[in-house]
């Protein structure tokens, strides 16, 4: 109910991609 506006104002939570490099 109190998300970080720095993130929530611009982030589309339904469009997430997870990448990783080597061990990641």
PDBML (XML) file of the C-alpha atoms, coordinates in Angstrom:
<?xml version="1.0" encoding="UTF-8" ?>
<PDBx:datablock datablockName="MODEL"
   xmlns:PDBx="http://pdbml.pdb.org/schema/pdbx-v50.xsd"
   xmlns:xsi="http://www.w3.org/2001/XMLSchema-instance"
   xsi:schemaLocation="http://pdbml.pdb.org/schema/pdbx-v50.xsd pdbx-v50.xsd">
   <PDBx:atom_siteCategory>
      <PDBx:atom_site id="1">
         <PDBx:B_iso_or_equiv>0.00</PDBx:B_iso_or_equiv>
         <PDBx:Cartn_x>0.000</PDBx:Cartn_x>
         <PDBx:Cartn_y>0.000</PDBx:Cartn_y>
         <PDBx:Cartn_z>0.000</PDBx:Cartn_z>
         <PDBx:auth_asym_id>A</PDBx:auth_asym_id>
         <PDBx:auth_atom_id>CA</PDBx:auth_atom_id>
         <PDBx:auth_comp_id>UNK</PDBx:auth_comp_id>
         <PDBx:auth_seq_id>1</PDBx:auth_seq_id>
         <PDBx:group_PDB>ATOM</PDBx:group_PDB>
         <PDBx:label_alt_id xsi:nil="true" />
         <PDBx:label_asym_id>A</PDBx:label_asym_id>
         <PDBx:label_atom_id>CA</PDBx:label_atom_id>
         <PDBx:label_comp_id>UNK</PDBx:label_comp_id>
         <PDBx:label_entity_id>1</PDBx:label_entity_id>
         <PDBx:label_seq_id>1</PDBx:label_seq_id>
         <PDBx:occupancy>1.00</PDBx:occupancy>
         <PDBx:pdbx_PDB_model_num>1</PDBx:pdbx_PDB_model_num>
         <PDBx:type_symbol>C</PDBx:type_symbol>
      </PDBx:atom_site>
      <PDBx:atom_site id="2">
         <PDBx:B_iso_or_equiv>0.00</PDBx:B_iso_or_equiv>
         <PDBx:Cartn_x>3.088</PDBx:Cartn_x>
         <PDBx:Cartn_y>2.199</PDBx:Cartn_y>
         <PDBx:Cartn_z>0.336</PDBx:Cartn_z>
         <PDBx:auth_asym_id>A</PDBx:auth_asym_id>
         <PDBx:auth_atom_id>CA</PDBx:auth_atom_id>
         <PDBx:auth_comp_id>UNK</PDBx:auth_comp_id>
         <PDBx:auth_seq_id>2</PDBx:auth_seq_id>
         <PDBx:group_PDB>ATOM</PDBx:group_PDB>
         <PDBx:label_alt_id xsi:nil="true" />
         <PDBx:label_asym_id>A</PDBx:label_asym_id>
         <PDBx:label_atom_id>CA</PDBx:label_atom_id>
         <PDBx:label_comp_id>UNK</PDBx:label_comp_id>
         <PDBx:label_entity_id>1</PDBx:label_entity_id>
         <PDBx:label_seq_id>2</PDBx:label_seq_id>
         <PDBx:occupancy>1.00</PDBx:occupancy>
         <PDBx:pdbx_PDB_model_num>1</PDBx:pdbx_PDB_model_num>
         <PDBx:type_symbol>C</PDBx:type_symbol>
      </PDBx:atom_site>
      <PDBx:atom_site id="3">
         <PDBx:B_iso_or_equiv>0.00</PDBx:B_iso_or_equiv>
         <PDBx:Cartn_x>5.447</PDBx:Cartn_x>
         <PDBx:Cartn_y>1.111</PDBx:Cartn_y>
         <PDBx:Cartn_z>-2.462</PDBx:Cartn_z>
         <PDBx:auth_asym_id>A</PDBx:auth_asym_id>
         <PDBx:auth_atom_id>CA</PDBx:auth_atom_id>
         <PDBx:auth_comp_id>UNK</PDBx:auth_comp_id>
         <PDBx:auth_seq_id>3</PDBx:auth_seq_id>
         <PDBx:group_PDB>ATOM</PDBx:group_PDB>
         <PDBx:label_alt_id xsi:nil="true" />
         <PDBx:label_asym_id>A</PDBx:label_asym_id>
         <PDBx:label_atom_id>CA</PDBx:label_atom_id>
         <PDBx:label_comp_id>UNK</PDBx:label_comp_id>
         <PDBx:label_entity_id>1</PDBx:label_entity_id>
         <PDBx:label_seq_id>3</PDBx:label_seq_id>
         <PDBx:occupancy>1.00</PDBx:occupancy>
         <PDBx:pdbx_PDB_model_num>1</PDBx:pdbx_PDB_model_num>
         <PDBx:type_symbol>C</PDBx:type_symbol>
      </PDBx:atom_site>
      <PDBx:atom_site id="4">
         <PDBx:B_iso_or_equiv>0.00</PDBx:B_iso_or_equiv>
         <PDBx:Cartn_x>8.610</PDBx:Cartn_x>
         <PDBx:Cartn_y>3.023</PDBx:Cartn_y>
         <PDBx:Cartn_z>-3.227</PDBx:Cartn_z>
         <PDBx:auth_asym_id>A</PDBx:auth_asym_id>
         <PDBx:auth_atom_id>CA</PDBx:auth_atom_id>
         <PDBx:auth_comp_id>UNK</PDBx:auth_comp_id>
         <PDBx:auth_seq_id>4</PDBx:auth_seq_id>
         <PDBx:group_PDB>ATOM</PDBx:group_PDB>
         <PDBx:label_alt_id xsi:nil="true" />
         <PDBx:label_asym_id>A</PDBx:label_asym_id>
         <PDBx:label_atom_id>CA</PDBx:label_atom_id>
         <PDBx:label_comp_id>UNK</PDBx:label_comp_id>
         <PDBx:label_entity_id>1</PDBx:label_entity_id>
         <PDBx:label_seq_id>4</PDBx:label_seq_id>
         <PDBx:occupancy>1.00</PDBx:occupancy>
         <PDBx:pdbx_PDB_model_num>1</PDBx:pdbx_PDB_model_num>
         <PDBx:type_symbol>C</PDBx:type_symbol>
      </PDBx:atom_site>
      <PDBx:atom_site id="5">
         <PDBx:B_iso_or_equiv>0.00</PDBx:B_iso_or_equiv>
         <PDBx:Cartn_x>7.433</PDBx:Cartn_x>
         <PDBx:Cartn_y>5.709</PDBx:Cartn_y>
         <PDBx:Cartn_z>-5.709</PDBx:Cartn_z>
         <PDBx:auth_asym_id>A</PDBx:auth_asym_id>
         <PDBx:auth_atom_id>CA</PDBx:auth_atom_id>
         <PDBx:auth_comp_id>UNK</PDBx:auth_comp_id>
         <PDBx:auth_seq_id>5</PDBx:auth_seq_id>
         <PDBx:group_PDB>ATOM</PDBx:group_PDB>
         <PDBx:label_alt_id xsi:nil="true" />
         <PDBx:label_asym_id>A</PDBx:label_asym_id>
         <PDBx:label_atom_id>CA</PDBx:label_atom_id>
         <PDBx:label_comp_id>UNK</PDBx:label_comp_id>
         <PDBx:label_entity_id>1</PDBx:label_entity_id>
         <PDBx:label_seq_id>5</PDBx:label_seq_id>
         <PDBx:occupancy>1.00</PDBx:occupancy>
         <PDBx:pdbx_PDB_model_num>1</PDBx:pdbx_PDB_model_num>
         <PDBx:type_symbol>C</PDBx:type_symbol>
      </PDBx:atom_site>
      <PDBx:atom_site id="6">
         <PDBx:B_iso_or_equiv>0.00</PDBx:B_iso_or_equiv>
         <PDBx:Cartn_x>10.910</PDBx:Cartn_x>
         <PDBx:Cartn_y>5.775</PDBx:Cartn_y>
         <PDBx:Cartn_z>-7.265</PDBx:Cartn_z>
         <PDBx:auth_asym_id>A</PDBx:auth_asym_id>
         <PDBx:auth_atom_id>CA</PDBx:auth_atom_id>
         <PDBx:auth_comp_id>UNK</PDBx:auth_comp_id>
         <PDBx:auth_seq_id>6</PDBx:auth_seq_id>
         <PDBx:group_PDB>ATOM</PDBx:group_PDB>
         <PDBx:label_alt_id xsi:nil="true" />
         <PDBx:label_asym_id>A</PDBx:label_asym_id>
         <PDBx:label_atom_id>CA</PDBx:label_atom_id>
         <PDBx:label_comp_id>UNK</PDBx:label_comp_id>
         <PDBx:label_entity_id>1</PDBx:label_entity_id>
         <PDBx:label_seq_id>6</PDBx:label_seq_id>
         <PDBx:occupancy>1.00</PDBx:occupancy>
         <PDBx:pdbx_PDB_model_num>1</PDBx:pdbx_PDB_model_num>
         <PDBx:type_symbol>C</PDBx:type_symbol>
      </PDBx:atom_site>
      <PDBx:atom_site id="7">
         <PDBx:B_iso_or_equiv>0.00</PDBx:B_iso_or_equiv>
         <PDBx:Cartn_x>10.033</PDBx:Cartn_x>
         <PDBx:Cartn_y>2.312</PDBx:Cartn_y>
         <PDBx:Cartn_z>-8.610</PDBx:Cartn_z>
         <PDBx:auth_asym_id>A</PDBx:auth_asym_id>
         <PDBx:auth_atom_id>CA</PDBx:auth_atom_id>
         <PDBx:auth_comp_id>UNK</PDBx:auth_comp_id>
         <PDBx:auth_seq_id>7</PDBx:auth_seq_id>
         <PDBx:group_PDB>ATOM</PDBx:group_PDB>
         <PDBx:label_alt_id xsi:nil="true" />
         <PDBx:label_asym_id>A</PDBx:label_asym_id>
         <PDBx:label_atom_id>CA</PDBx:label_atom_id>
         <PDBx:label_comp_id>UNK</PDBx:label_comp_id>
         <PDBx:label_entity_id>1</PDBx:label_entity_id>
         <PDBx:label_seq_id>7</PDBx:label_seq_id>
         <PDBx:occupancy>1.00</PDBx:occupancy>
         <PDBx:pdbx_PDB_model_num>1</PDBx:pdbx_PDB_model_num>
         <PDBx:type_symbol>C</PDBx:type_symbol>
      </PDBx:atom_site>
      <PDBx:atom_site id="8">
         <PDBx:B_iso_or_equiv>0.00</PDBx:B_iso_or_equiv>
         <PDBx:Cartn_x>6.253</PDBx:Cartn_x>
         <PDBx:Cartn_y>2.056</PDBx:Cartn_y>
         <PDBx:Cartn_z>-8.678</PDBx:Cartn_z>
         <PDBx:auth_asym_id>A</PDBx:auth_asym_id>
         <PDBx:auth_atom_id>CA</PDBx:auth_atom_id>
         <PDBx:auth_comp_id>UNK</PDBx:auth_comp_id>
         <PDBx:auth_seq_id>8</PDBx:auth_seq_id>
         <PDBx:group_PDB>ATOM</PDBx:group_PDB>
         <PDBx:label_alt_id xsi:nil="true" />
         <PDBx:label_asym_id>A</PDBx:label_asym_id>
         <PDBx:label_atom_id>CA</PDBx:label_atom_id>
         <PDBx:label_comp_id>UNK</PDBx:label_comp_id>
         <PDBx:label_entity_id>1</PDBx:label_entity_id>
         <PDBx:label_seq_id>8</PDBx:label_seq_id>
         <PDBx:occupancy>1.00</PDBx:occupancy>
         <PDBx:pdbx_PDB_model_num>1</PDBx:pdbx_PDB_model_num>
         <PDBx:type_symbol>C</PDBx:type_symbol>
      </PDBx:atom_site>
      <PDBx:atom_site id="9">
         <PDBx:B_iso_or_equiv>0.00</PDBx:B_iso_or_equiv>
         <PDBx:Cartn_x>5.681</PDBx:Cartn_x>
         <PDBx:Cartn_y>5.212</PDBx:Cartn_y>
         <PDBx:Cartn_z>-10.742</PDBx:Cartn_z>
         <PDBx:auth_asym_id>A</PDBx:auth_asym_id>
         <PDBx:auth_atom_id>CA</PDBx:auth_atom_id>
         <PDBx:auth_comp_id>UNK</PDBx:auth_comp_id>
         <PDBx:auth_seq_id>9</PDBx:auth_seq_id>
         <PDBx:group_PDB>ATOM</PDBx:group_PDB>
         <PDBx:label_alt_id xsi:nil="true" />
         <PDBx:label_asym_id>A</PDBx:label_asym_id>
         <PDBx:label_atom_id>CA</PDBx:label_atom_id>
         <PDBx:label_comp_id>UNK</PDBx:label_comp_id>
         <PDBx:label_entity_id>1</PDBx:label_entity_id>
         <PDBx:label_seq_id>9</PDBx:label_seq_id>
         <PDBx:occupancy>1.00</PDBx:occupancy>
         <PDBx:pdbx_PDB_model_num>1</PDBx:pdbx_PDB_model_num>
         <PDBx:type_symbol>C</PDBx:type_symbol>
      </PDBx:atom_site>
      <PDBx:atom_site id="10">
         <PDBx:B_iso_or_equiv>0.00</PDBx:B_iso_or_equiv>
         <PDBx:Cartn_x>7.610</PDBx:Cartn_x>
         <PDBx:Cartn_y>3.829</PDBx:Cartn_y>
         <PDBx:Cartn_z>-13.712</PDBx:Cartn_z>
         <PDBx:auth_asym_id>A</PDBx:auth_asym_id>
         <PDBx:auth_atom_id>CA</PDBx:auth_atom_id>
         <PDBx:auth_comp_id>UNK</PDBx:auth_comp_id>
         <PDBx:auth_seq_id>10</PDBx:auth_seq_id>
         <PDBx:group_PDB>ATOM</PDBx:group_PDB>
         <PDBx:label_alt_id xsi:nil="true" />
         <PDBx:label_asym_id>A</PDBx:label_asym_id>
         <PDBx:label_atom_id>CA</PDBx:label_atom_id>
         <PDBx:label_comp_id>UNK</PDBx:label_comp_id>
         <PDBx:label_entity_id>1</PDBx:label_entity_id>
         <PDBx:label_seq_id>10</PDBx:label_seq_id>
         <PDBx:occupancy>1.00</PDBx:occupancy>
         <PDBx:pdbx_PDB_model_num>1</PDBx:pdbx_PDB_model_num>
         <PDBx:type_symbol>C</PDBx:type_symbol>
      </PDBx:atom_site>
      <PDBx:atom_site id="11">
         <PDBx:B_iso_or_equiv>0.00</PDBx:B_iso_or_equiv>
         <PDBx:Cartn_x>7.710</PDBx:Cartn_x>
         <PDBx:Cartn_y>0.022</PDBx:Cartn_y>
         <PDBx:Cartn_z>-13.357</PDBx:Cartn_z>
         <PDBx:auth_asym_id>A</PDBx:auth_asym_id>
         <PDBx:auth_atom_id>CA</PDBx:auth_atom_id>
         <PDBx:auth_comp_id>UNK</PDBx:auth_comp_id>
         <PDBx:auth_seq_id>11</PDBx:auth_seq_id>
         <PDBx:group_PDB>ATOM</PDBx:group_PDB>
         <PDBx:label_alt_id xsi:nil="true" />
         <PDBx:label_asym_id>A</PDBx:label_asym_id>
         <PDBx:label_atom_id>CA</PDBx:label_atom_id>
         <PDBx:label_comp_id>UNK</PDBx:label_comp_id>
         <PDBx:label_entity_id>1</PDBx:label_entity_id>
         <PDBx:label_seq_id>11</PDBx:label_seq_id>
         <PDBx:occupancy>1.00</PDBx:occupancy>
         <PDBx:pdbx_PDB_model_num>1</PDBx:pdbx_PDB_model_num>
         <PDBx:type_symbol>C</PDBx:type_symbol>
      </PDBx:atom_site>
      <PDBx:atom_site id="12">
         <PDBx:B_iso_or_equiv>0.00</PDBx:B_iso_or_equiv>
         <PDBx:Cartn_x>5.349</PDBx:Cartn_x>
         <PDBx:Cartn_y>-2.321</PDBx:Cartn_y>
         <PDBx:Cartn_z>-15.173</PDBx:Cartn_z>
         <PDBx:auth_asym_id>A</PDBx:auth_asym_id>
         <PDBx:auth_atom_id>CA</PDBx:auth_atom_id>
         <PDBx:auth_comp_id>UNK</PDBx:auth_comp_id>
         <PDBx:auth_seq_id>12</PDBx:auth_seq_id>
         <PDBx:group_PDB>ATOM</PDBx:group_PDB>
         <PDBx:label_alt_id xsi:nil="true" />
         <PDBx:label_asym_id>A</PDBx:label_asym_id>
         <PDBx:label_atom_id>CA</PDBx:label_atom_id>
         <PDBx:label_comp_id>UNK</PDBx:label_comp_id>
         <PDBx:label_entity_id>1</PDBx:label_entity_id>
         <PDBx:label_seq_id>12</PDBx:label_seq_id>
         <PDBx:occupancy>1.00</PDBx:occupancy>
         <PDBx:pdbx_PDB_model_num>1</PDBx:pdbx_PDB_model_num>
         <PDBx:type_symbol>C</PDBx:type_symbol>
      </PDBx:atom_site>
      <PDBx:atom_site id="13">
         <PDBx:B_iso_or_equiv>0.00</PDBx:B_iso_or_equiv>
         <PDBx:Cartn_x>5.123</PDBx:Cartn_x>
         <PDBx:Cartn_y>-5.276</PDBx:Cartn_y>
         <PDBx:Cartn_z>-12.788</PDBx:Cartn_z>
         <PDBx:auth_asym_id>A</PDBx:auth_asym_id>
         <PDBx:auth_atom_id>CA</PDBx:auth_atom_id>
         <PDBx:auth_comp_id>UNK</PDBx:auth_comp_id>
         <PDBx:auth_seq_id>13</PDBx:auth_seq_id>
         <PDBx:group_PDB>ATOM</PDBx:group_PDB>
         <PDBx:label_alt_id xsi:nil="true" />
         <PDBx:label_asym_id>A</PDBx:label_asym_id>
         <PDBx:label_atom_id>CA</PDBx:label_atom_id>
         <PDBx:label_comp_id>UNK</PDBx:label_comp_id>
         <PDBx:label_entity_id>1</PDBx:label_entity_id>
         <PDBx:label_seq_id>13</PDBx:label_seq_id>
         <PDBx:occupancy>1.00</PDBx:occupancy>
         <PDBx:pdbx_PDB_model_num>1</PDBx:pdbx_PDB_model_num>
         <PDBx:type_symbol>C</PDBx:type_symbol>
      </PDBx:atom_site>
      <PDBx:atom_site id="14">
         <PDBx:B_iso_or_equiv>0.00</PDBx:B_iso_or_equiv>
         <PDBx:Cartn_x>3.476</PDBx:Cartn_x>
         <PDBx:Cartn_y>-7.414</PDBx:Cartn_y>
         <PDBx:Cartn_z>-15.457</PDBx:Cartn_z>
         <PDBx:auth_asym_id>A</PDBx:auth_asym_id>
         <PDBx:auth_atom_id>CA</PDBx:auth_atom_id>
         <PDBx:auth_comp_id>UNK</PDBx:auth_comp_id>
         <PDBx:auth_seq_id>14</PDBx:auth_seq_id>
         <PDBx:group_PDB>ATOM</PDBx:group_PDB>
         <PDBx:label_alt_id xsi:nil="true" />
         <PDBx:label_asym_id>A</PDBx:label_asym_id>
         <PDBx:label_atom_id>CA</PDBx:label_atom_id>
         <PDBx:label_comp_id>UNK</PDBx:label_comp_id>
         <PDBx:label_entity_id>1</PDBx:label_entity_id>
         <PDBx:label_seq_id>14</PDBx:label_seq_id>
         <PDBx:occupancy>1.00</PDBx:occupancy>
         <PDBx:pdbx_PDB_model_num>1</PDBx:pdbx_PDB_model_num>
         <PDBx:type_symbol>C</PDBx:type_symbol>
      </PDBx:atom_site>
      <PDBx:atom_site id="15">
         <PDBx:B_iso_or_equiv>0.00</PDBx:B_iso_or_equiv>
         <PDBx:Cartn_x>6.493</PDBx:Cartn_x>
         <PDBx:Cartn_y>-7.139</PDBx:Cartn_y>
         <PDBx:Cartn_z>-17.774</PDBx:Cartn_z>
         <PDBx:auth_asym_id>A</PDBx:auth_asym_id>
         <PDBx:auth_atom_id>CA</PDBx:auth_atom_id>
         <PDBx:auth_comp_id>UNK</PDBx:auth_comp_id>
         <PDBx:auth_seq_id>15</PDBx:auth_seq_id>
         <PDBx:group_PDB>ATOM</PDBx:group_PDB>
         <PDBx:label_alt_id xsi:nil="true" />
         <PDBx:label_asym_id>A</PDBx:label_asym_id>
         <PDBx:label_atom_id>CA</PDBx:label_atom_id>
         <PDBx:label_comp_id>UNK</PDBx:label_comp_id>
         <PDBx:label_entity_id>1</PDBx:label_entity_id>
         <PDBx:label_seq_id>15</PDBx:label_seq_id>
         <PDBx:occupancy>1.00</PDBx:occupancy>
         <PDBx:pdbx_PDB_model_num>1</PDBx:pdbx_PDB_model_num>
         <PDBx:type_symbol>C</PDBx:type_symbol>
      </PDBx:atom_site>
      <PDBx:atom_site id="16">
         <PDBx:B_iso_or_equiv>0.00</PDBx:B_iso_or_equiv>
         <PDBx:Cartn_x>9.445</PDBx:Cartn_x>
         <PDBx:Cartn_y>-8.697</PDBx:Cartn_y>
         <PDBx:Cartn_z>-15.934</PDBx:Cartn_z>
         <PDBx:auth_asym_id>A</PDBx:auth_asym_id>
         <PDBx:auth_atom_id>CA</PDBx:auth_atom_id>
         <PDBx:auth_comp_id>UNK</PDBx:auth_comp_id>
         <PDBx:auth_seq_id>16</PDBx:auth_seq_id>
         <PDBx:group_PDB>ATOM</PDBx:group_PDB>
         <PDBx:label_alt_id xsi:nil="true" />
         <PDBx:label_asym_id>A</PDBx:label_asym_id>
         <PDBx:label_atom_id>CA</PDBx:label_atom_id>
         <PDBx:label_comp_id>UNK</PDBx:label_comp_id>
         <PDBx:label_entity_id>1</PDBx:label_entity_id>
         <PDBx:label_seq_id>16</PDBx:label_seq_id>
         <PDBx:occupancy>1.00</PDBx:occupancy>
         <PDBx:pdbx_PDB_model_num>1</PDBx:pdbx_PDB_model_num>
         <PDBx:type_symbol>C</PDBx:type_symbol>
      </PDBx:atom_site>
      <PDBx:atom_site id="17">
         <PDBx:B_iso_or_equiv>0.00</PDBx:B_iso_or_equiv>
         <PDBx:Cartn_x>12.488</PDBx:Cartn_x>
         <PDBx:Cartn_y>-10.319</PDBx:Cartn_y>
         <PDBx:Cartn_z>-17.515</PDBx:Cartn_z>
         <PDBx:auth_asym_id>A</PDBx:auth_asym_id>
         <PDBx:auth_atom_id>CA</PDBx:auth_atom_id>
         <PDBx:auth_comp_id>UNK</PDBx:auth_comp_id>
         <PDBx:auth_seq_id>17</PDBx:auth_seq_id>
         <PDBx:group_PDB>ATOM</PDBx:group_PDB>
         <PDBx:label_alt_id xsi:nil="true" />
         <PDBx:label_asym_id>A</PDBx:label_asym_id>
         <PDBx:label_atom_id>CA</PDBx:label_atom_id>
         <PDBx:label_comp_id>UNK</PDBx:label_comp_id>
         <PDBx:label_entity_id>1</PDBx:label_entity_id>
         <PDBx:label_seq_id>17</PDBx:label_seq_id>
         <PDBx:occupancy>1.00</PDBx:occupancy>
         <PDBx:pdbx_PDB_model_num>1</PDBx:pdbx_PDB_model_num>
         <PDBx:type_symbol>C</PDBx:type_symbol>
      </PDBx:atom_site>
      <PDBx:atom_site id="18">
         <PDBx:B_iso_or_equiv>0.00</PDBx:B_iso_or_equiv>
         <PDBx:Cartn_x>15.157</PDBx:Cartn_x>
         <PDBx:Cartn_y>-12.104</PDBx:Cartn_y>
         <PDBx:Cartn_z>-15.491</PDBx:Cartn_z>
         <PDBx:auth_asym_id>A</PDBx:auth_asym_id>
         <PDBx:auth_atom_id>CA</PDBx:auth_atom_id>
         <PDBx:auth_comp_id>UNK</PDBx:auth_comp_id>
         <PDBx:auth_seq_id>18</PDBx:auth_seq_id>
         <PDBx:group_PDB>ATOM</PDBx:group_PDB>
         <PDBx:label_alt_id xsi:nil="true" />
         <PDBx:label_asym_id>A</PDBx:label_asym_id>
         <PDBx:label_atom_id>CA</PDBx:label_atom_id>
         <PDBx:label_comp_id>UNK</PDBx:label_comp_id>
         <PDBx:label_entity_id>1</PDBx:label_entity_id>
         <PDBx:label_seq_id>18</PDBx:label_seq_id>
         <PDBx:occupancy>1.00</PDBx:occupancy>
         <PDBx:pdbx_PDB_model_num>1</PDBx:pdbx_PDB_model_num>
         <PDBx:type_symbol>C</PDBx:type_symbol>
      </PDBx:atom_site>
      <PDBx:atom_site id="19">
         <PDBx:B_iso_or_equiv>0.00</PDBx:B_iso_or_equiv>
         <PDBx:Cartn_x>18.690</PDBx:Cartn_x>
         <PDBx:Cartn_y>-12.190</PDBx:Cartn_y>
         <PDBx:Cartn_z>-16.870</PDBx:Cartn_z>
         <PDBx:auth_asym_id>A</PDBx:auth_asym_id>
         <PDBx:auth_atom_id>CA</PDBx:auth_atom_id>
         <PDBx:auth_comp_id>UNK</PDBx:auth_comp_id>
         <PDBx:auth_seq_id>19</PDBx:auth_seq_id>
         <PDBx:group_PDB>ATOM</PDBx:group_PDB>
         <PDBx:label_alt_id xsi:nil="true" />
         <PDBx:label_asym_id>A</PDBx:label_asym_id>
         <PDBx:label_atom_id>CA</PDBx:label_atom_id>
         <PDBx:label_comp_id>UNK</PDBx:label_comp_id>
         <PDBx:label_entity_id>1</PDBx:label_entity_id>
         <PDBx:label_seq_id>19</PDBx:label_seq_id>
         <PDBx:occupancy>1.00</PDBx:occupancy>
         <PDBx:pdbx_PDB_model_num>1</PDBx:pdbx_PDB_model_num>
         <PDBx:type_symbol>C</PDBx:type_symbol>
      </PDBx:atom_site>
      <PDBx:atom_site id="20">
         <PDBx:B_iso_or_equiv>0.00</PDBx:B_iso_or_equiv>
         <PDBx:Cartn_x>21.937</PDBx:Cartn_x>
         <PDBx:Cartn_y>-13.408</PDBx:Cartn_y>
         <PDBx:Cartn_z>-15.431</PDBx:Cartn_z>
         <PDBx:auth_asym_id>A</PDBx:auth_asym_id>
         <PDBx:auth_atom_id>CA</PDBx:auth_atom_id>
         <PDBx:auth_comp_id>UNK</PDBx:auth_comp_id>
         <PDBx:auth_seq_id>20</PDBx:auth_seq_id>
         <PDBx:group_PDB>ATOM</PDBx:group_PDB>
         <PDBx:label_alt_id xsi:nil="true" />
         <PDBx:label_asym_id>A</PDBx:label_asym_id>
         <PDBx:label_atom_id>CA</PDBx:label_atom_id>
         <PDBx:label_comp_id>UNK</PDBx:label_comp_id>
         <PDBx:label_entity_id>1</PDBx:label_entity_id>
         <PDBx:label_seq_id>20</PDBx:label_seq_id>
         <PDBx:occupancy>1.00</PDBx:occupancy>
         <PDBx:pdbx_PDB_model_num>1</PDBx:pdbx_PDB_model_num>
         <PDBx:type_symbol>C</PDBx:type_symbol>
      </PDBx:atom_site>
      <PDBx:atom_site id="21">
         <PDBx:B_iso_or_equiv>0.00</PDBx:B_iso_or_equiv>
         <PDBx:Cartn_x>25.573</PDBx:Cartn_x>
         <PDBx:Cartn_y>-13.428</PDBx:Cartn_y>
         <PDBx:Cartn_z>-16.451</PDBx:Cartn_z>
         <PDBx:auth_asym_id>A</PDBx:auth_asym_id>
         <PDBx:auth_atom_id>CA</PDBx:auth_atom_id>
         <PDBx:auth_comp_id>UNK</PDBx:auth_comp_id>
         <PDBx:auth_seq_id>21</PDBx:auth_seq_id>
         <PDBx:group_PDB>ATOM</PDBx:group_PDB>
         <PDBx:label_alt_id xsi:nil="true" />
         <PDBx:label_asym_id>A</PDBx:label_asym_id>
         <PDBx:label_atom_id>CA</PDBx:label_atom_id>
         <PDBx:label_comp_id>UNK</PDBx:label_comp_id>
         <PDBx:label_entity_id>1</PDBx:label_entity_id>
         <PDBx:label_seq_id>21</PDBx:label_seq_id>
         <PDBx:occupancy>1.00</PDBx:occupancy>
         <PDBx:pdbx_PDB_model_num>1</PDBx:pdbx_PDB_model_num>
         <PDBx:type_symbol>C</PDBx:type_symbol>
      </PDBx:atom_site>
      <PDBx:atom_site id="22">
         <PDBx:B_iso_or_equiv>0.00</PDBx:B_iso_or_equiv>
         <PDBx:Cartn_x>27.559</PDBx:Cartn_x>
         <PDBx:Cartn_y>-16.664</PDBx:Cartn_y>
         <PDBx:Cartn_z>-15.950</PDBx:Cartn_z>
         <PDBx:auth_asym_id>A</PDBx:auth_asym_id>
         <PDBx:auth_atom_id>CA</PDBx:auth_atom_id>
         <PDBx:auth_comp_id>UNK</PDBx:auth_comp_id>
         <PDBx:auth_seq_id>22</PDBx:auth_seq_id>
         <PDBx:group_PDB>ATOM</PDBx:group_PDB>
         <PDBx:label_alt_id xsi:nil="true" />
         <PDBx:label_asym_id>A</PDBx:label_asym_id>
         <PDBx:label_atom_id>CA</PDBx:label_atom_id>
         <PDBx:label_comp_id>UNK</PDBx:label_comp_id>
         <PDBx:label_entity_id>1</PDBx:label_entity_id>
         <PDBx:label_seq_id>22</PDBx:label_seq_id>
         <PDBx:occupancy>1.00</PDBx:occupancy>
         <PDBx:pdbx_PDB_model_num>1</PDBx:pdbx_PDB_model_num>
         <PDBx:type_symbol>C</PDBx:type_symbol>
      </PDBx:atom_site>
      <PDBx:atom_site id="23">
         <PDBx:B_iso_or_equiv>0.00</PDBx:B_iso_or_equiv>
         <PDBx:Cartn_x>26.787</PDBx:Cartn_x>
         <PDBx:Cartn_y>-17.701</PDBx:Cartn_y>
         <PDBx:Cartn_z>-12.342</PDBx:Cartn_z>
         <PDBx:auth_asym_id>A</PDBx:auth_asym_id>
         <PDBx:auth_atom_id>CA</PDBx:auth_atom_id>
         <PDBx:auth_comp_id>UNK</PDBx:auth_comp_id>
         <PDBx:auth_seq_id>23</PDBx:auth_seq_id>
         <PDBx:group_PDB>ATOM</PDBx:group_PDB>
         <PDBx:label_alt_id xsi:nil="true" />
         <PDBx:label_asym_id>A</PDBx:label_asym_id>
         <PDBx:label_atom_id>CA</PDBx:label_atom_id>
         <PDBx:label_comp_id>UNK</PDBx:label_comp_id>
         <PDBx:label_entity_id>1</PDBx:label_entity_id>
         <PDBx:label_seq_id>23</PDBx:label_seq_id>
         <PDBx:occupancy>1.00</PDBx:occupancy>
         <PDBx:pdbx_PDB_model_num>1</PDBx:pdbx_PDB_model_num>
         <PDBx:type_symbol>C</PDBx:type_symbol>
      </PDBx:atom_site>
      <PDBx:atom_site id="24">
         <PDBx:B_iso_or_equiv>0.00</PDBx:B_iso_or_equiv>
         <PDBx:Cartn_x>23.905</PDBx:Cartn_x>
         <PDBx:Cartn_y>-15.235</PDBx:Cartn_y>
         <PDBx:Cartn_z>-12.592</PDBx:Cartn_z>
         <PDBx:auth_asym_id>A</PDBx:auth_asym_id>
         <PDBx:auth_atom_id>CA</PDBx:auth_atom_id>
         <PDBx:auth_comp_id>UNK</PDBx:auth_comp_id>
         <PDBx:auth_seq_id>24</PDBx:auth_seq_id>
         <PDBx:group_PDB>ATOM</PDBx:group_PDB>
         <PDBx:label_alt_id xsi:nil="true" />
         <PDBx:label_asym_id>A</PDBx:label_asym_id>
         <PDBx:label_atom_id>CA</PDBx:label_atom_id>
         <PDBx:label_comp_id>UNK</PDBx:label_comp_id>
         <PDBx:label_entity_id>1</PDBx:label_entity_id>
         <PDBx:label_seq_id>24</PDBx:label_seq_id>
         <PDBx:occupancy>1.00</PDBx:occupancy>
         <PDBx:pdbx_PDB_model_num>1</PDBx:pdbx_PDB_model_num>
         <PDBx:type_symbol>C</PDBx:type_symbol>
      </PDBx:atom_site>
   </PDBx:atom_siteCategory>
</PDBx:datablock>
